[in-house]
Amino acid sequence: MKFVSLIIITSSENEDKVKKIAKSGGASGATILQGRGTSSDEEKKSFFSLTFEGNQVVIIYVLEEKLSRNVLKQLHKAIEEKGIDALGFIMPISHIVGLDRSLIKKFADSIKTEDNL
């Protein structure tokens, strides 16, 4: 079983919407970091064509790889259809310790269920 980190950066105003989207994709339990974007009046800073000003949140999920792709697809759909400003990406995790055993069992059962479809 391969785990990855799904990282989503969005405005504080969109935090609850993004968490609901992730939950609908199967994610649960995240670490949320508060941040602040910077810009000046003359020039607005952007990252991949998204302008980040004011309070931002970084939402970090540790998920099984297949599940993370499903959540990312749900986020992409919301960005395209509902115009939510967010940036999401997946990073591999090479070594991990300390995960709840019940969570690992849930992921394993999910994979078995998908394989049986």
PDB file of N, CA and C in Angstrom:
ATOM      1  N   MET A   1       0.850  -1.169   0.000  1.00  0.00           N
ATOM      2  CA  MET A   1       0.000   0.000   0.000  1.00  0.00           C
ATOM      3  C   MET A   1       0.898   1.235   0.000  1.00  0.00           C
ATOM      4  N   LYS A   2       0.620   2.144  -0.920  1.00  0.00           N
ATOM      5  CA  LYS A   2       1.437   3.329  -1.082  1.00  0.00           C
ATOM      6  C   LYS A   2       0.672   4.554  -0.589  1.00  0.00           C
ATOM      7  N   PHE A   3       1.321   5.358   0.249  1.00  0.00           N
ATOM      8  CA  PHE A   3       0.699   6.564   0.776  1.00  0.00           C
ATOM      9  C   PHE A   3       1.313   7.798   0.134  1.00  0.00           C
ATOM     10  N   VAL A   4       0.485   8.829  -0.006  1.00  0.00           N
ATOM     11  CA  VAL A   4       0.915  10.109  -0.554  1.00  0.00           C
ATOM     12  C   VAL A   4       0.348  11.231   0.309  1.00  0.00           C
ATOM     13  N   SER A   5       0.872  12.403   0.089  1.00  0.00           N
ATOM     14  CA  SER A   5       0.367  13.582   0.772  1.00  0.00           C
ATOM     15  C   SER A   5      -0.365  14.442  -0.247  1.00  0.00           C
ATOM     16  N   LEU A   6      -1.630  14.721   0.023  1.00  0.00           N
ATOM     17  CA  LEU A   6      -2.420  15.618  -0.815  1.00  0.00           C
ATOM     18  C   LEU A   6      -2.405  16.973  -0.120  1.00  0.00           C
ATOM     19  N   ILE A   7      -1.903  17.974  -0.810  1.00  0.00           N
ATOM     20  CA  ILE A   7      -1.774  19.318  -0.243  1.00  0.00           C
ATOM     21  C   ILE A   7      -2.662  20.262  -1.038  1.00  0.00           C
ATOM     22  N   ILE A   8      -3.487  21.007  -0.304  1.00  0.00           N
ATOM     23  CA  ILE A   8      -4.403  21.958  -0.926  1.00  0.00           C
ATOM     24  C   ILE A   8      -4.178  23.328  -0.300  1.00  0.00           C
ATOM     25  N   ILE A   9      -3.969  24.328  -1.145  1.00  0.00           N
ATOM     26  CA  ILE A   9      -3.806  25.710  -0.688  1.00  0.00           C
ATOM     27  C   ILE A   9      -5.018  26.483  -1.186  1.00  0.00           C
ATOM     28  N   THR A  10      -5.682  27.161  -0.268  1.00  0.00           N
ATOM     29  CA  THR A  10      -6.869  27.937  -0.636  1.00  0.00           C
ATOM     30  C   THR A  10      -7.039  29.093   0.337  1.00  0.00           C
ATOM     31  N   SER A  11      -7.982  29.963   0.048  1.00  0.00           N
ATOM     32  CA  SER A  11      -8.264  31.077   0.953  1.00  0.00           C
ATOM     33  C   SER A  11      -9.028  30.567   2.171  1.00  0.00           C
ATOM     34  N   SER A  12      -8.955  31.314   3.242  1.00  0.00           N
ATOM     35  CA  SER A  12      -9.677  30.935   4.465  1.00  0.00           C
ATOM     36  C   SER A  12     -11.172  30.829   4.211  1.00  0.00           C
ATOM     37  N   GLU A  13     -11.675  31.655   3.315  1.00  0.00           N
ATOM     38  CA  GLU A  13     -13.105  31.642   3.005  1.00  0.00           C
ATOM     39  C   GLU A  13     -13.543  30.322   2.368  1.00  0.00           C
ATOM     40  N   ASN A  14     -12.649  29.669   1.643  1.00  0.00           N
ATOM     41  CA  ASN A  14     -12.979  28.419   0.959  1.00  0.00           C
ATOM     42  C   ASN A  14     -12.621  27.170   1.759  1.00  0.00           C
ATOM     43  N   GLU A  15     -12.074  27.333   2.943  1.00  0.00           N
ATOM     44  CA  GLU A  15     -11.607  26.185   3.728  1.00  0.00           C
ATOM     45  C   GLU A  15     -12.695  25.140   3.938  1.00  0.00           C
ATOM     46  N   ASP A  16     -13.866  25.554   4.413  1.00  0.00           N
ATOM     47  CA  ASP A  16     -14.942  24.588   4.680  1.00  0.00           C
ATOM     48  C   ASP A  16     -15.421  23.913   3.398  1.00  0.00           C
ATOM     49  N   LYS A  17     -15.505  24.673   2.313  1.00  0.00           N
ATOM     50  CA  LYS A  17     -15.926  24.095   1.036  1.00  0.00           C
ATOM     51  C   LYS A  17     -14.941  23.022   0.580  1.00  0.00           C
ATOM     52  N   VAL A  18     -13.651  23.329   0.685  1.00  0.00           N
ATOM     53  CA  VAL A  18     -12.620  22.389   0.249  1.00  0.00           C
ATOM     54  C   VAL A  18     -12.631  21.134   1.122  1.00  0.00           C
ATOM     55  N   LYS A  19     -12.813  21.298   2.425  1.00  0.00           N
ATOM     56  CA  LYS A  19     -12.866  20.128   3.317  1.00  0.00           C
ATOM     57  C   LYS A  19     -14.068  19.245   2.984  1.00  0.00           C
ATOM     58  N   LYS A  20     -15.209  19.856   2.641  1.00  0.00           N
ATOM     59  CA  LYS A  20     -16.391  19.076   2.248  1.00  0.00           C
ATOM     60  C   LYS A  20     -16.140  18.325   0.946  1.00  0.00           C
ATOM     61  N   ILE A  21     -15.472  18.972   0.015  1.00  0.00           N
ATOM     62  CA  ILE A  21     -15.144  18.329  -1.256  1.00  0.00           C
ATOM     63  C   ILE A  21     -14.232  17.130  -1.011  1.00  0.00           C
ATOM     64  N   ALA A  22     -13.215  17.314  -0.179  1.00  0.00           N
ATOM     65  CA  ALA A  22     -12.289  16.220   0.127  1.00  0.00           C
ATOM     66  C   ALA A  22     -13.011  15.075   0.825  1.00  0.00           C
ATOM     67  N   LYS A  23     -13.911  15.420   1.730  1.00  0.00           N
ATOM     68  CA  LYS A  23     -14.672  14.385   2.431  1.00  0.00           C
ATOM     69  C   LYS A  23     -15.553  13.612   1.460  1.00  0.00           C
ATOM     70  N   SER A  24     -16.159  14.311   0.501  1.00  0.00           N
ATOM     71  CA  SER A  24     -17.003  13.631  -0.480  1.00  0.00           C
ATOM     72  C   SER A  24     -16.180  12.689  -1.359  1.00  0.00           C
ATOM     73  N   GLY A  25     -14.879  12.956  -1.485  1.00  0.00           N
ATOM     74  CA  GLY A  25     -13.994  12.094  -2.250  1.00  0.00           C
ATOM     75  C   GLY A  25     -13.423  10.947  -1.443  1.00  0.00           C
ATOM     76  N   GLY A  26     -13.714  10.924  -0.132  1.00  0.00           N
ATOM     77  CA  GLY A  26     -13.263   9.823   0.704  1.00  0.00           C
ATOM     78  C   GLY A  26     -12.188  10.170   1.714  1.00  0.00           C
ATOM     79  N   ALA A  27     -11.737  11.411   1.747  1.00  0.00           N
ATOM     80  CA  ALA A  27     -10.686  11.811   2.684  1.00  0.00           C
ATOM     81  C   ALA A  27     -11.283  12.153   4.043  1.00  0.00           C
ATOM     82  N   SER A  28     -10.510  11.887   5.073  1.00  0.00           N
ATOM     83  CA  SER A  28     -10.923  12.295   6.420  1.00  0.00           C
ATOM     84  C   SER A  28      -9.677  12.612   7.224  1.00  0.00           C
ATOM     85  N   GLY A  29      -9.786  13.543   8.111  1.00  0.00           N
ATOM     86  CA  GLY A  29      -8.660  13.899   8.970  1.00  0.00           C
ATOM     87  C   GLY A  29      -7.557  14.612   8.218  1.00  0.00           C
ATOM     88  N   ALA A  30      -7.352  15.860   8.528  1.00  0.00           N
ATOM     89  CA  ALA A  30      -6.331  16.658   7.850  1.00  0.00           C
ATOM     90  C   ALA A  30      -5.606  17.531   8.859  1.00  0.00           C
ATOM     91  N   THR A  31      -4.446  17.980   8.470  1.00  0.00           N
ATOM     92  CA  THR A  31      -3.716  18.991   9.228  1.00  0.00           C
ATOM     93  C   THR A  31      -3.894  20.297   8.478  1.00  0.00           C
ATOM     94  N   ILE A  32      -4.282  21.341   9.197  1.00  0.00           N
ATOM     95  CA  ILE A  32      -4.552  22.630   8.567  1.00  0.00           C
ATOM     96  C   ILE A  32      -3.592  23.661   9.135  1.00  0.00           C
ATOM     97  N   LEU A  33      -2.863  24.303   8.233  1.00  0.00           N
ATOM     98  CA  LEU A  33      -1.911  25.344   8.615  1.00  0.00           C
ATOM     99  C   LEU A  33      -2.451  26.687   8.155  1.00  0.00           C
ATOM    100  N   GLN A  34      -2.383  27.675   9.017  1.00  0.00           N
ATOM    101  CA  GLN A  34      -2.818  29.025   8.665  1.00  0.00           C
ATOM    102  C   GLN A  34      -1.644  29.787   8.071  1.00  0.00           C
ATOM    103  N   GLY A  35      -1.911  30.594   7.078  1.00  0.00           N
ATOM    104  CA  GLY A  35      -0.868  31.379   6.445  1.00  0.00           C
ATOM    105  C   GLY A  35      -1.410  32.699   5.963  1.00  0.00           C
ATOM    106  N   ARG A  36      -0.536  33.473   5.373  1.00  0.00           N
ATOM    107  CA  ARG A  36      -0.941  34.758   4.841  1.00  0.00           C
ATOM    108  C   ARG A  36      -0.226  34.977   3.526  1.00  0.00           C
ATOM    109  N   GLY A  37      -0.975  35.331   2.495  1.00  0.00           N
ATOM    110  CA  GLY A  37      -0.378  35.652   1.209  1.00  0.00           C
ATOM    111  C   GLY A  37       0.122  37.080   1.218  1.00  0.00           C
ATOM    112  N   THR A  38       1.049  37.379   0.344  1.00  0.00           N
ATOM    113  CA  THR A  38       1.574  38.740   0.276  1.00  0.00           C
ATOM    114  C   THR A  38       1.452  39.275  -1.135  1.00  0.00           C
ATOM    115  N   SER A  39       1.289  40.580  -1.232  1.00  0.00           N
ATOM    116  CA  SER A  39       1.311  41.259  -2.524  1.00  0.00           C
ATOM    117  C   SER A  39       1.436  42.746  -2.269  1.00  0.00           C
ATOM    118  N   SER A  40       1.736  43.480  -3.330  1.00  0.00           N
ATOM    119  CA  SER A  40       1.759  44.936  -3.235  1.00  0.00           C
ATOM    120  C   SER A  40       0.682  45.466  -4.169  1.00  0.00           C
ATOM    121  N   ASP A  41       0.355  46.729  -4.022  1.00  0.00           N
ATOM    122  CA  ASP A  41      -0.695  47.303  -4.854  1.00  0.00           C
ATOM    123  C   ASP A  41      -0.330  47.289  -6.332  1.00  0.00           C
ATOM    124  N   GLU A  42       0.959  47.499  -6.661  1.00  0.00           N
ATOM    125  CA  GLU A  42       1.357  47.561  -8.061  1.00  0.00           C
ATOM    126  C   GLU A  42       1.364  46.181  -8.720  1.00  0.00           C
ATOM    127  N   GLU A  43       1.801  45.199  -7.983  1.00  0.00           N
ATOM    128  CA  GLU A  43       1.986  43.879  -8.581  1.00  0.00           C
ATOM    129  C   GLU A  43       1.446  42.813  -7.655  1.00  0.00           C
ATOM    130  N   LYS A  44       0.508  42.018  -8.140  1.00  0.00           N
ATOM    131  CA  LYS A  44      -0.053  40.947  -7.338  1.00  0.00           C
ATOM    132  C   LYS A  44       0.727  39.674  -7.597  1.00  0.00           C
ATOM    133  N   LYS A  45       1.069  38.977  -6.539  1.00  0.00           N
ATOM    134  CA  LYS A  45       1.799  37.724  -6.664  1.00  0.00           C
ATOM    135  C   LYS A  45       0.836  36.624  -7.079  1.00  0.00           C
ATOM    136  N   SER A  46       1.282  35.780  -7.961  1.00  0.00           N
ATOM    137  CA  SER A  46       0.443  34.654  -8.353  1.00  0.00           C
ATOM    138  C   SER A  46       1.282  33.390  -8.399  1.00  0.00           C
ATOM    139  N   PHE A  47       0.604  32.273  -8.256  1.00  0.00           N
ATOM    140  CA  PHE A  47       1.232  30.964  -8.293  1.00  0.00           C
ATOM    141  C   PHE A  47       0.386  30.118  -9.213  1.00  0.00           C
ATOM    142  N   PHE A  48       0.934  29.713 -10.347  1.00  0.00           N
ATOM    143  CA  PHE A  48       0.190  28.973 -11.364  1.00  0.00           C
ATOM    144  C   PHE A  48      -1.109  29.693 -11.720  1.00  0.00           C
ATOM    145  N   SER A  49      -1.020  30.981 -11.934  1.00  0.00           N
ATOM    146  CA  SER A  49      -2.105  31.869 -12.355  1.00  0.00           C
ATOM    147  C   SER A  49      -3.173  32.103 -11.288  1.00  0.00           C
ATOM    148  N   LEU A  50      -2.961  31.624 -10.051  1.00  0.00           N
ATOM    149  CA  LEU A  50      -3.885  31.923  -8.952  1.00  0.00           C
ATOM    150  C   LEU A  50      -3.279  33.046  -8.116  1.00  0.00           C
ATOM    151  N   THR A  51      -4.065  34.050  -7.812  1.00  0.00           N
ATOM    152  CA  THR A  51      -3.594  35.154  -6.995  1.00  0.00           C
ATOM    153  C   THR A  51      -3.981  34.893  -5.546  1.00  0.00           C
ATOM    154  N   PHE A  52      -2.993  34.907  -4.680  1.00  0.00           N
ATOM    155  CA  PHE A  52      -3.243  34.652  -3.269  1.00  0.00           C
ATOM    156  C   PHE A  52      -2.948  35.911  -2.475  1.00  0.00           C
ATOM    157  N   GLU A  53      -3.992  36.472  -1.892  1.00  0.00           N
ATOM    158  CA  GLU A  53      -3.854  37.634  -1.022  1.00  0.00           C
ATOM    159  C   GLU A  53      -4.578  37.339   0.266  1.00  0.00           C
ATOM    160  N   GLY A  54      -4.143  37.936   1.342  1.00  0.00           N
ATOM    161  CA  GLY A  54      -4.833  37.765   2.608  1.00  0.00           C
ATOM    162  C   GLY A  54      -4.573  36.417   3.244  1.00  0.00           C
ATOM    163  N   ASN A  55      -5.520  35.985   4.085  1.00  0.00           N
ATOM    164  CA  ASN A  55      -5.349  34.750   4.848  1.00  0.00           C
ATOM    165  C   ASN A  55      -5.546  33.522   3.979  1.00  0.00           C
ATOM    166  N   GLN A  56      -4.623  32.588   4.103  1.00  0.00           N
ATOM    167  CA  GLN A  56      -4.649  31.341   3.346  1.00  0.00           C
ATOM    168  C   GLN A  56      -4.605  30.176   4.324  1.00  0.00           C
ATOM    169  N   VAL A  57      -5.038  29.025   3.856  1.00  0.00           N
ATOM    170  CA  VAL A  57      -4.883  27.799   4.623  1.00  0.00           C
ATOM    171  C   VAL A  57      -4.210  26.766   3.733  1.00  0.00           C
ATOM    172  N   VAL A  58      -3.378  25.952   4.362  1.00  0.00           N
ATOM    173  CA  VAL A  58      -2.754  24.821   3.703  1.00  0.00           C
ATOM    174  C   VAL A  58      -3.333  23.588   4.382  1.00  0.00           C
ATOM    175  N   ILE A  59      -4.047  22.773   3.618  1.00  0.00           N
ATOM    176  CA  ILE A  59      -4.702  21.581   4.154  1.00  0.00           C
ATOM    177  C   ILE A  59      -3.900  20.373   3.669  1.00  0.00           C
ATOM    178  N   ILE A  60      -3.432  19.566   4.615  1.00  0.00           N
ATOM    179  CA  ILE A  60      -2.581  18.426   4.285  1.00  0.00           C
ATOM    180  C   ILE A  60      -3.281  17.134   4.684  1.00  0.00           C
ATOM    181  N   TYR A  61      -3.462  16.257   3.712  1.00  0.00           N
ATOM    182  CA  TYR A  61      -4.039  14.932   3.947  1.00  0.00           C
ATOM    183  C   TYR A  61      -2.958  13.881   3.677  1.00  0.00           C
ATOM    184  N   VAL A  62      -2.920  12.828   4.477  1.00  0.00           N
ATOM    185  CA  VAL A  62      -2.119  11.647   4.177  1.00  0.00           C
ATOM    186  C   VAL A  62      -3.117  10.571   3.772  1.00  0.00           C
ATOM    187  N   LEU A  63      -3.007  10.144   2.511  1.00  0.00           N
ATOM    188  CA  LEU A  63      -4.003   9.241   1.938  1.00  0.00           C
ATOM    189  C   LEU A  63      -3.337   8.114   1.154  1.00  0.00           C
ATOM    190  N   GLU A  64      -4.090   7.056   0.969  1.00  0.00           N
ATOM    191  CA  GLU A  64      -3.665   5.994   0.063  1.00  0.00           C
ATOM    192  C   GLU A  64      -3.680   6.588  -1.341  1.00  0.00           C
ATOM    193  N   GLU A  65      -2.772   6.152  -2.192  1.00  0.00           N
ATOM    194  CA  GLU A  65      -2.567   6.794  -3.495  1.00  0.00           C
ATOM    195  C   GLU A  65      -3.831   6.855  -4.360  1.00  0.00           C
ATOM    196  N   LYS A  66      -4.565   5.757  -4.485  1.00  0.00           N
ATOM    197  CA  LYS A  66      -5.776   5.764  -5.319  1.00  0.00           C
ATOM    198  C   LYS A  66      -6.823   6.721  -4.762  1.00  0.00           C
ATOM    199  N   LEU A  67      -6.971   6.740  -3.455  1.00  0.00           N
ATOM    200  CA  LEU A  67      -7.937   7.625  -2.818  1.00  0.00           C
ATOM    201  C   LEU A  67      -7.566   9.086  -3.061  1.00  0.00           C
ATOM    202  N   SER A  68      -6.283   9.392  -3.008  1.00  0.00           N
ATOM    203  CA  SER A  68      -5.841  10.781  -3.207  1.00  0.00           C
ATOM    204  C   SER A  68      -6.199  11.276  -4.609  1.00  0.00           C
ATOM    205  N   ARG A  69      -6.079  10.389  -5.600  1.00  0.00           N
ATOM    206  CA  ARG A  69      -6.427  10.791  -6.963  1.00  0.00           C
ATOM    207  C   ARG A  69      -7.917  11.077  -7.079  1.00  0.00           C
ATOM    208  N   ASN A  70      -8.728  10.296  -6.389  1.00  0.00           N
ATOM    209  CA  ASN A  70     -10.171  10.528  -6.401  1.00  0.00           C
ATOM    210  C   ASN A  70     -10.503  11.887  -5.772  1.00  0.00           C
ATOM    211  N   VAL A  71      -9.874  12.194  -4.658  1.00  0.00           N
ATOM    212  CA  VAL A  71     -10.107  13.482  -3.990  1.00  0.00           C
ATOM    213  C   VAL A  71      -9.645  14.628  -4.887  1.00  0.00           C
ATOM    214  N   LEU A  72      -8.493  14.465  -5.532  1.00  0.00           N
ATOM    215  CA  LEU A  72      -7.983  15.511  -6.414  1.00  0.00           C
ATOM    216  C   LEU A  72      -8.925  15.734  -7.600  1.00  0.00           C
ATOM    217  N   LYS A  73      -9.507  14.658  -8.129  1.00  0.00           N
ATOM    218  CA  LYS A  73     -10.489  14.799  -9.214  1.00  0.00           C
ATOM    219  C   LYS A  73     -11.715  15.571  -8.749  1.00  0.00           C
ATOM    220  N   GLN A  74     -12.181  15.290  -7.534  1.00  0.00           N
ATOM    221  CA  GLN A  74     -13.332  16.017  -6.981  1.00  0.00           C
ATOM    222  C   GLN A  74     -12.999  17.501  -6.825  1.00  0.00           C
ATOM    223  N   LEU A  75     -11.783  17.794  -6.363  1.00  0.00           N
ATOM    224  CA  LEU A  75     -11.356  19.186  -6.207  1.00  0.00           C
ATOM    225  C   LEU A  75     -11.285  19.869  -7.571  1.00  0.00           C
ATOM    226  N   HIS A  76     -10.721  19.194  -8.554  1.00  0.00           N
ATOM    227  CA  HIS A  76     -10.631  19.761  -9.905  1.00  0.00           C
ATOM    228  C   HIS A  76     -12.010  20.088 -10.455  1.00  0.00           C
ATOM    229  N   LYS A  77     -12.948  19.173 -10.247  1.00  0.00           N
ATOM    230  CA  LYS A  77     -14.326  19.386 -10.706  1.00  0.00           C
ATOM    231  C   LYS A  77     -14.920  20.646 -10.054  1.00  0.00           C
ATOM    232  N   ALA A  78     -14.701  20.819  -8.758  1.00  0.00           N
ATOM    233  CA  ALA A  78     -15.229  21.992  -8.049  1.00  0.00           C
ATOM    234  C   ALA A  78     -14.567  23.281  -8.523  1.00  0.00           C
ATOM    235  N   ILE A  79     -13.274  23.213  -8.809  1.00  0.00           N
ATOM    236  CA  ILE A  79     -12.568  24.398  -9.309  1.00  0.00           C
ATOM    237  C   ILE A  79     -13.138  24.797 -10.666  1.00  0.00           C
ATOM    238  N   GLU A  80     -13.352  23.827 -11.530  1.00  0.00           N
ATOM    239  CA  GLU A  80     -13.852  24.095 -12.870  1.00  0.00           C
ATOM    240  C   GLU A  80     -15.319  24.548 -12.865  1.00  0.00           C
ATOM    241  N   GLU A  81     -16.165  23.851 -12.102  1.00  0.00           N
ATOM    242  CA  GLU A  81     -17.604  24.101 -12.157  1.00  0.00           C
ATOM    243  C   GLU A  81     -18.075  25.209 -11.213  1.00  0.00           C
ATOM    244  N   LYS A  82     -17.470  25.310 -10.041  1.00  0.00           N
ATOM    245  CA  LYS A  82     -17.943  26.266  -9.038  1.00  0.00           C
ATOM    246  C   LYS A  82     -17.029  27.470  -8.879  1.00  0.00           C
ATOM    247  N   GLY A  83     -15.900  27.470  -9.572  1.00  0.00           N
ATOM    248  CA  GLY A  83     -15.001  28.616  -9.520  1.00  0.00           C
ATOM    249  C   GLY A  83     -14.280  28.794  -8.201  1.00  0.00           C
ATOM    250  N   ILE A  84     -14.070  27.717  -7.466  1.00  0.00           N
ATOM    251  CA  ILE A  84     -13.345  27.801  -6.195  1.00  0.00           C
ATOM    252  C   ILE A  84     -11.866  28.020  -6.491  1.00  0.00           C
ATOM    253  N   ASP A  85     -11.270  29.038  -5.860  1.00  0.00           N
ATOM    254  CA  ASP A  85      -9.836  29.276  -6.017  1.00  0.00           C
ATOM    255  C   ASP A  85      -9.083  28.372  -5.057  1.00  0.00           C
ATOM    256  N   ALA A  86      -8.360  27.424  -5.607  1.00  0.00           N
ATOM    257  CA  ALA A  86      -7.571  26.506  -4.799  1.00  0.00           C
ATOM    258  C   ALA A  86      -6.485  25.908  -5.664  1.00  0.00           C
ATOM    259  N   LEU A  87      -5.445  25.448  -5.026  1.00  0.00           N
ATOM    260  CA  LEU A  87      -4.357  24.764  -5.690  1.00  0.00           C
ATOM    261  C   LEU A  87      -4.152  23.448  -4.965  1.00  0.00           C
ATOM    262  N   GLY A  88      -4.231  22.341  -5.677  1.00  0.00           N
ATOM    263  CA  GLY A  88      -4.051  21.039  -5.062  1.00  0.00           C
ATOM    264  C   GLY A  88      -3.000  20.236  -5.794  1.00  0.00           C
ATOM    265  N   PHE A  89      -2.178  19.508  -5.034  1.00  0.00           N
ATOM    266  CA  PHE A  89      -1.169  18.657  -5.649  1.00  0.00           C
ATOM    267  C   PHE A  89      -0.848  17.494  -4.719  1.00  0.00           C
ATOM    268  N   ILE A  90      -0.271  16.453  -5.300  1.00  0.00           N
ATOM    269  CA  ILE A  90       0.049  15.231  -4.572  1.00  0.00           C
ATOM    270  C   ILE A  90       1.560  15.061  -4.539  1.00  0.00           C
ATOM    271  N   MET A  91       2.072  14.699  -3.365  1.00  0.00           N
ATOM    272  CA  MET A  91       3.502  14.422  -3.205  1.00  0.00           C
ATOM    273  C   MET A  91       3.670  13.023  -2.637  1.00  0.00           C
ATOM    274  N   PRO A  92       4.626  12.263  -3.163  1.00  0.00           N
ATOM    275  CA  PRO A  92       4.833  10.902  -2.652  1.00  0.00           C
ATOM    276  C   PRO A  92       5.434  10.913  -1.250  1.00  0.00           C
ATOM    277  N   ILE A  93       5.132   9.871  -0.509  1.00  0.00           N
ATOM    278  CA  ILE A  93       5.723   9.672   0.816  1.00  0.00           C
ATOM    279  C   ILE A  93       6.515   8.370   0.728  1.00  0.00           C
ATOM    280  N   SER A  94       7.804   8.442   1.010  1.00  0.00           N
ATOM    281  CA  SER A  94       8.617   7.236   0.865  1.00  0.00           C
ATOM    282  C   SER A  94       8.613   6.376   2.129  1.00  0.00           C
ATOM    283  N   HIS A  95       8.542   6.979   3.290  1.00  0.00           N
ATOM    284  CA  HIS A  95       8.516   6.235   4.552  1.00  0.00           C
ATOM    285  C   HIS A  95       7.521   6.914   5.486  1.00  0.00           C
ATOM    286  N   ILE A  96       6.770   6.114   6.221  1.00  0.00           N
ATOM    287  CA  ILE A  96       5.774   6.685   7.124  1.00  0.00           C
ATOM    288  C   ILE A  96       5.637   5.796   8.362  1.00  0.00           C
ATOM    289  N   VAL A  97       5.509   6.413   9.513  1.00  0.00           N
ATOM    290  CA  VAL A  97       5.255   5.698  10.767  1.00  0.00           C
ATOM    291  C   VAL A  97       4.179   6.452  11.528  1.00  0.00           C
ATOM    292  N   GLY A  98       3.500   5.745  12.414  1.00  0.00           N
ATOM    293  CA  GLY A  98       2.564   6.397  13.308  1.00  0.00           C
ATOM    294  C   GLY A  98       1.135   6.486  12.833  1.00  0.00           C
ATOM    295  N   LEU A  99       0.798   5.862  11.700  1.00  0.00           N
ATOM    296  CA  LEU A  99      -0.590   5.886  11.251  1.00  0.00           C
ATOM    297  C   LEU A  99      -1.440   4.980  12.128  1.00  0.00           C
ATOM    298  N   ASP A 100      -2.657   5.393  12.359  1.00  0.00           N
ATOM    299  CA  ASP A 100      -3.617   4.608  13.118  1.00  0.00           C
ATOM    300  C   ASP A 100      -3.889   3.289  12.387  1.00  0.00           C
ATOM    301  N   ARG A 101      -3.792   2.166  13.104  1.00  0.00           N
ATOM    302  CA  ARG A 101      -3.985   0.849  12.483  1.00  0.00           C
ATOM    303  C   ARG A 101      -5.382   0.703  11.879  1.00  0.00           C
ATOM    304  N   SER A 102      -6.384   1.298  12.502  1.00  0.00           N
ATOM    305  CA  SER A 102      -7.740   1.196  11.949  1.00  0.00           C
ATOM    306  C   SER A 102      -7.829   1.927  10.609  1.00  0.00           C
ATOM    307  N   LEU A 103      -7.076   3.005  10.456  1.00  0.00           N
ATOM    308  CA  LEU A 103      -7.040   3.737   9.195  1.00  0.00           C
ATOM    309  C   LEU A 103      -6.387   2.885   8.110  1.00  0.00           C
ATOM    310  N   ILE A 104      -5.301   2.208   8.447  1.00  0.00           N
ATOM    311  CA  ILE A 104      -4.629   1.342   7.491  1.00  0.00           C
ATOM    312  C   ILE A 104      -5.561   0.206   7.068  1.00  0.00           C
ATOM    313  N   LYS A 105      -6.296  -0.377   8.031  1.00  0.00           N
ATOM    314  CA  LYS A 105      -7.250  -1.440   7.712  1.00  0.00           C
ATOM    315  C   LYS A 105      -8.344  -0.909   6.789  1.00  0.00           C
ATOM    316  N   LYS A 106      -8.818   0.305   7.051  1.00  0.00           N
ATOM    317  CA  LYS A 106      -9.850   0.910   6.202  1.00  0.00           C
ATOM    318  C   LYS A 106      -9.348   1.055   4.768  1.00  0.00           C
ATOM    319  N   PHE A 107      -8.106   1.523   4.596  1.00  0.00           N
ATOM    320  CA  PHE A 107      -7.533   1.658   3.262  1.00  0.00           C
ATOM    321  C   PHE A 107      -7.407   0.299   2.580  1.00  0.00           C
ATOM    322  N   ALA A 108      -6.934  -0.699   3.323  1.00  0.00           N
ATOM    323  CA  ALA A 108      -6.769  -2.042   2.754  1.00  0.00           C
ATOM    324  C   ALA A 108      -8.119  -2.616   2.324  1.00  0.00           C
ATOM    325  N   ASP A 109      -9.150  -2.443   3.160  1.00  0.00           N
ATOM    326  CA  ASP A 109     -10.486  -2.928   2.807  1.00  0.00           C
ATOM    327  C   ASP A 109     -11.029  -2.209   1.585  1.00  0.00           C
ATOM    328  N   SER A 110     -10.760  -0.923   1.494  1.00  0.00           N
ATOM    329  CA  SER A 110     -11.209  -0.116   0.351  1.00  0.00           C
ATOM    330  C   SER A 110     -10.576  -0.624  -0.935  1.00  0.00           C
ATOM    331  N   ILE A 111      -9.295  -0.947  -0.873  1.00  0.00           N
ATOM    332  CA  ILE A 111      -8.586  -1.444  -2.049  1.00  0.00           C
ATOM    333  C   ILE A 111      -9.143  -2.798  -2.467  1.00  0.00           C
ATOM    334  N   LYS A 112      -9.422  -3.681  -1.505  1.00  0.00           N
ATOM    335  CA  LYS A 112      -9.994  -4.997  -1.812  1.00  0.00           C
ATOM    336  C   LYS A 112     -11.357  -4.852  -2.461  1.00  0.00           C
ATOM    337  N   THR A 113     -12.167  -3.941  -1.954  1.00  0.00           N
ATOM    338  CA  THR A 113     -13.497  -3.704  -2.503  1.00  0.00           C
ATOM    339  C   THR A 113     -13.400  -3.228  -3.952  1.00  0.00           C
ATOM    340  N   GLU A 114     -12.485  -2.283  -4.216  1.00  0.00           N
ATOM    341  CA  GLU A 114     -12.310  -1.772  -5.577  1.00  0.00           C
ATOM    342  C   GLU A 114     -11.818  -2.863  -6.510  1.00  0.00           C
ATOM    343  N   ASP A 115     -10.933  -3.733  -6.021  1.00  0.00           N
ATOM    344  CA  ASP A 115     -10.403  -4.807  -6.859  1.00  0.00           C
ATOM    345  C   ASP A 115     -11.483  -5.827  -7.213  1.00  0.00           C
ATOM    346  N   ASN A 116     -12.477  -5.962  -6.354  1.00  0.00           N
ATOM    347  CA  ASN A 116     -13.558  -6.931  -6.595  1.00  0.00           C
ATOM    348  C   ASN A 116     -14.636  -6.394  -7.540  1.00  0.00           C
ATOM    349  N   LEU A 117     -14.610  -5.124  -7.840  1.00  0.00           N
ATOM    350  CA  LEU A 117     -15.639  -4.534  -8.723  1.00  0.00           C
ATOM    351  C   LEU A 117     -15.479  -4.964 -10.142  1.00  0.00           C
TER     352      LEU A 117
END
